[in-house]
């Protein structure tokens, strides 16, 4: 199964590296990344495989609280099933 991670914030050095490192700690494998900078704002959507997480999905989501605070980012993580259900007619 996959999860979708959306990240938005003021563009600074190391956002992608920080989020990627957090995924590595919990054994979430990055499948695909799309990122851009719009004026001074960084925006990224990342798809990660969560089949081999070394914790619960909830703990994985909660682990990003410090990243959000330290980097002053909005980070939203949702399970692929929820994401797909939200976008079905």
C-alpha atoms as a PDB file:
ATOM      1  CA  UNK A   1       0.000   0.000   0.000  1.00  0.00           C
ATOM      2  CA  UNK A   2       1.007   3.582  -0.537  1.00  0.00           C
ATOM      3  CA  UNK A   3       0.557   6.876   1.240  1.00  0.00           C
ATOM      4  CA  UNK A   4       0.536  10.405  -0.150  1.00  0.00           C
ATOM      5  CA  UNK A   5       2.618  13.078   1.560  1.00  0.00           C
ATOM      6  CA  UNK A   6       1.893  16.719   0.654  1.00  0.00           C
ATOM      7  CA  UNK A   7       4.330  19.399   1.797  1.00  0.00           C
ATOM      8  CA  UNK A   8       3.959  23.186   1.466  1.00  0.00           C
ATOM      9  CA  UNK A   9       6.010  25.962   2.985  1.00  0.00           C
ATOM     10  CA  UNK A  10       8.442  28.799   2.520  1.00  0.00           C
ATOM     11  CA  UNK A  11      11.259  27.558   0.292  1.00  0.00           C
ATOM     12  CA  UNK A  12      14.398  26.717   2.260  1.00  0.00           C
ATOM     13  CA  UNK A  13      17.329  24.410   1.717  1.00  0.00           C
ATOM     14  CA  UNK A  14      16.839  20.794   2.714  1.00  0.00           C
ATOM     15  CA  UNK A  15      13.071  20.297   2.736  1.00  0.00           C
ATOM     16  CA  UNK A  16      13.177  17.313   0.384  1.00  0.00           C
ATOM     17  CA  UNK A  17      16.161  15.861   2.249  1.00  0.00           C
ATOM     18  CA  UNK A  18      14.430  16.252   5.618  1.00  0.00           C
ATOM     19  CA  UNK A  19      11.183  14.606   4.523  1.00  0.00           C
ATOM     20  CA  UNK A  20      13.079  11.839   2.704  1.00  0.00           C
ATOM     21  CA  UNK A  21      15.221  11.173   5.781  1.00  0.00           C
ATOM     22  CA  UNK A  22      12.123  10.906   7.961  1.00  0.00           C
ATOM     23  CA  UNK A  23      10.702   8.344   5.520  1.00  0.00           C
ATOM     24  CA  UNK A  24      13.955   6.367   5.698  1.00  0.00           C
ATOM     25  CA  UNK A  25      13.864   6.216   9.504  1.00  0.00           C
ATOM     26  CA  UNK A  26      10.472   4.470   9.352  1.00  0.00           C
ATOM     27  CA  UNK A  27      11.276   2.339   6.282  1.00  0.00           C
ATOM     28  CA  UNK A  28       8.805   4.088   3.959  1.00  0.00           C
ATOM     29  CA  UNK A  29      10.053   3.641   0.397  1.00  0.00           C
ATOM     30  CA  UNK A  30       9.727   6.695  -1.848  1.00  0.00           C
ATOM     31  CA  UNK A  31       7.988   5.700  -5.070  1.00  0.00           C
ATOM     32  CA  UNK A  32       7.466   9.045  -6.768  1.00  0.00           C
ATOM     33  CA  UNK A  33       8.094  12.737  -6.073  1.00  0.00           C
ATOM     34  CA  UNK A  34       6.839  15.898  -7.718  1.00  0.00           C
ATOM     35  CA  UNK A  35       8.068  19.238  -6.440  1.00  0.00           C
ATOM     36  CA  UNK A  36       8.119  22.826  -7.529  1.00  0.00           C
ATOM     37  CA  UNK A  37       8.888  26.280  -6.236  1.00  0.00           C
ATOM     38  CA  UNK A  38       6.252  28.955  -6.829  1.00  0.00           C
ATOM     39  CA  UNK A  39       7.739  32.357  -6.092  1.00  0.00           C
ATOM     40  CA  UNK A  40       9.122  31.763  -2.587  1.00  0.00           C
ATOM     41  CA  UNK A  41       6.960  28.735  -1.774  1.00  0.00           C
ATOM     42  CA  UNK A  42       7.952  25.088  -1.948  1.00  0.00           C
ATOM     43  CA  UNK A  43       5.285  22.518  -2.874  1.00  0.00           C
ATOM     44  CA  UNK A  44       5.785  18.761  -3.040  1.00  0.00           C
ATOM     45  CA  UNK A  45       3.689  15.640  -3.389  1.00  0.00           C
ATOM     46  CA  UNK A  46       5.406  12.387  -2.551  1.00  0.00           C
ATOM     47  CA  UNK A  47       4.049   8.855  -2.920  1.00  0.00           C
ATOM     48  CA  UNK A  48       5.626   6.385  -0.502  1.00  0.00           C
ATOM     49  CA  UNK A  49       5.177   2.652  -0.162  1.00  0.00           C
ATOM     50  CA  UNK A  50       4.266   1.817   3.442  1.00  0.00           C
ATOM     51  CA  UNK A  51       4.184  -1.986   3.236  1.00  0.00           C
ATOM     52  CA  UNK A  52       7.351  -2.335   5.296  1.00  0.00           C
ATOM     53  CA  UNK A  53       6.894   0.410   7.889  1.00  0.00           C
ATOM     54  CA  UNK A  54       8.647  -0.409  11.156  1.00  0.00           C
ATOM     55  CA  UNK A  55       5.809   1.220  13.123  1.00  0.00           C
ATOM     56  CA  UNK A  56       2.074   1.779  12.789  1.00  0.00           C
ATOM     57  CA  UNK A  57       0.834   4.140  10.102  1.00  0.00           C
ATOM     58  CA  UNK A  58      -0.447   6.495  12.822  1.00  0.00           C
ATOM     59  CA  UNK A  59       2.991   6.613  14.454  1.00  0.00           C
ATOM     60  CA  UNK A  60       4.549   7.324  11.050  1.00  0.00           C
ATOM     61  CA  UNK A  61       2.177  10.263  10.537  1.00  0.00           C
ATOM     62  CA  UNK A  62       2.788  11.546  14.066  1.00  0.00           C
ATOM     63  CA  UNK A  63       6.555  11.369  13.556  1.00  0.00           C
ATOM     64  CA  UNK A  64       6.352  14.335  11.181  1.00  0.00           C
ATOM     65  CA  UNK A  65       5.181  16.709  13.943  1.00  0.00           C
ATOM     66  CA  UNK A  66       8.754  17.751  14.731  1.00  0.00           C
ATOM     67  CA  UNK A  67       9.579  18.217  11.045  1.00  0.00           C
ATOM     68  CA  UNK A  68       6.553  20.485  10.658  1.00  0.00           C
ATOM     69  CA  UNK A  69       7.632  22.604  13.600  1.00  0.00           C
ATOM     70  CA  UNK A  70      11.361  22.721  12.858  1.00  0.00           C
ATOM     71  CA  UNK A  71      10.949  23.575   9.171  1.00  0.00           C
ATOM     72  CA  UNK A  72       7.711  25.595   9.562  1.00  0.00           C
ATOM     73  CA  UNK A  73       5.896  23.441   6.994  1.00  0.00           C
ATOM     74  CA  UNK A  74       2.418  22.148   6.365  1.00  0.00           C
ATOM     75  CA  UNK A  75       2.687  18.389   5.956  1.00  0.00           C
ATOM     76  CA  UNK A  76      -0.335  16.208   5.299  1.00  0.00           C
ATOM     77  CA  UNK A  77      -0.059  12.447   5.066  1.00  0.00           C
ATOM     78  CA  UNK A  78      -2.919  10.233   4.055  1.00  0.00           C
ATOM     79  CA  UNK A  79      -3.297   6.593   3.239  1.00  0.00           C
ATOM     80  CA  UNK A  80      -3.772   5.905  -0.480  1.00  0.00           C
ATOM     81  CA  UNK A  81      -7.211   4.367   0.161  1.00  0.00           C
ATOM     82  CA  UNK A  82      -8.469   7.561   1.790  1.00  0.00           C
ATOM     83  CA  UNK A  83      -6.907   9.713  -0.930  1.00  0.00           C
ATOM     84  CA  UNK A  84      -8.558   7.627  -3.676  1.00  0.00           C
ATOM     85  CA  UNK A  85     -11.937   7.602  -1.912  1.00  0.00           C
ATOM     86  CA  UNK A  86     -11.891  11.402  -1.624  1.00  0.00           C
ATOM     87  CA  UNK A  87     -11.392  11.767  -5.359  1.00  0.00           C
ATOM     88  CA  UNK A  88     -14.047   9.343  -6.613  1.00  0.00           C
ATOM     89  CA  UNK A  89     -17.343  10.560  -7.923  1.00  0.00           C
END
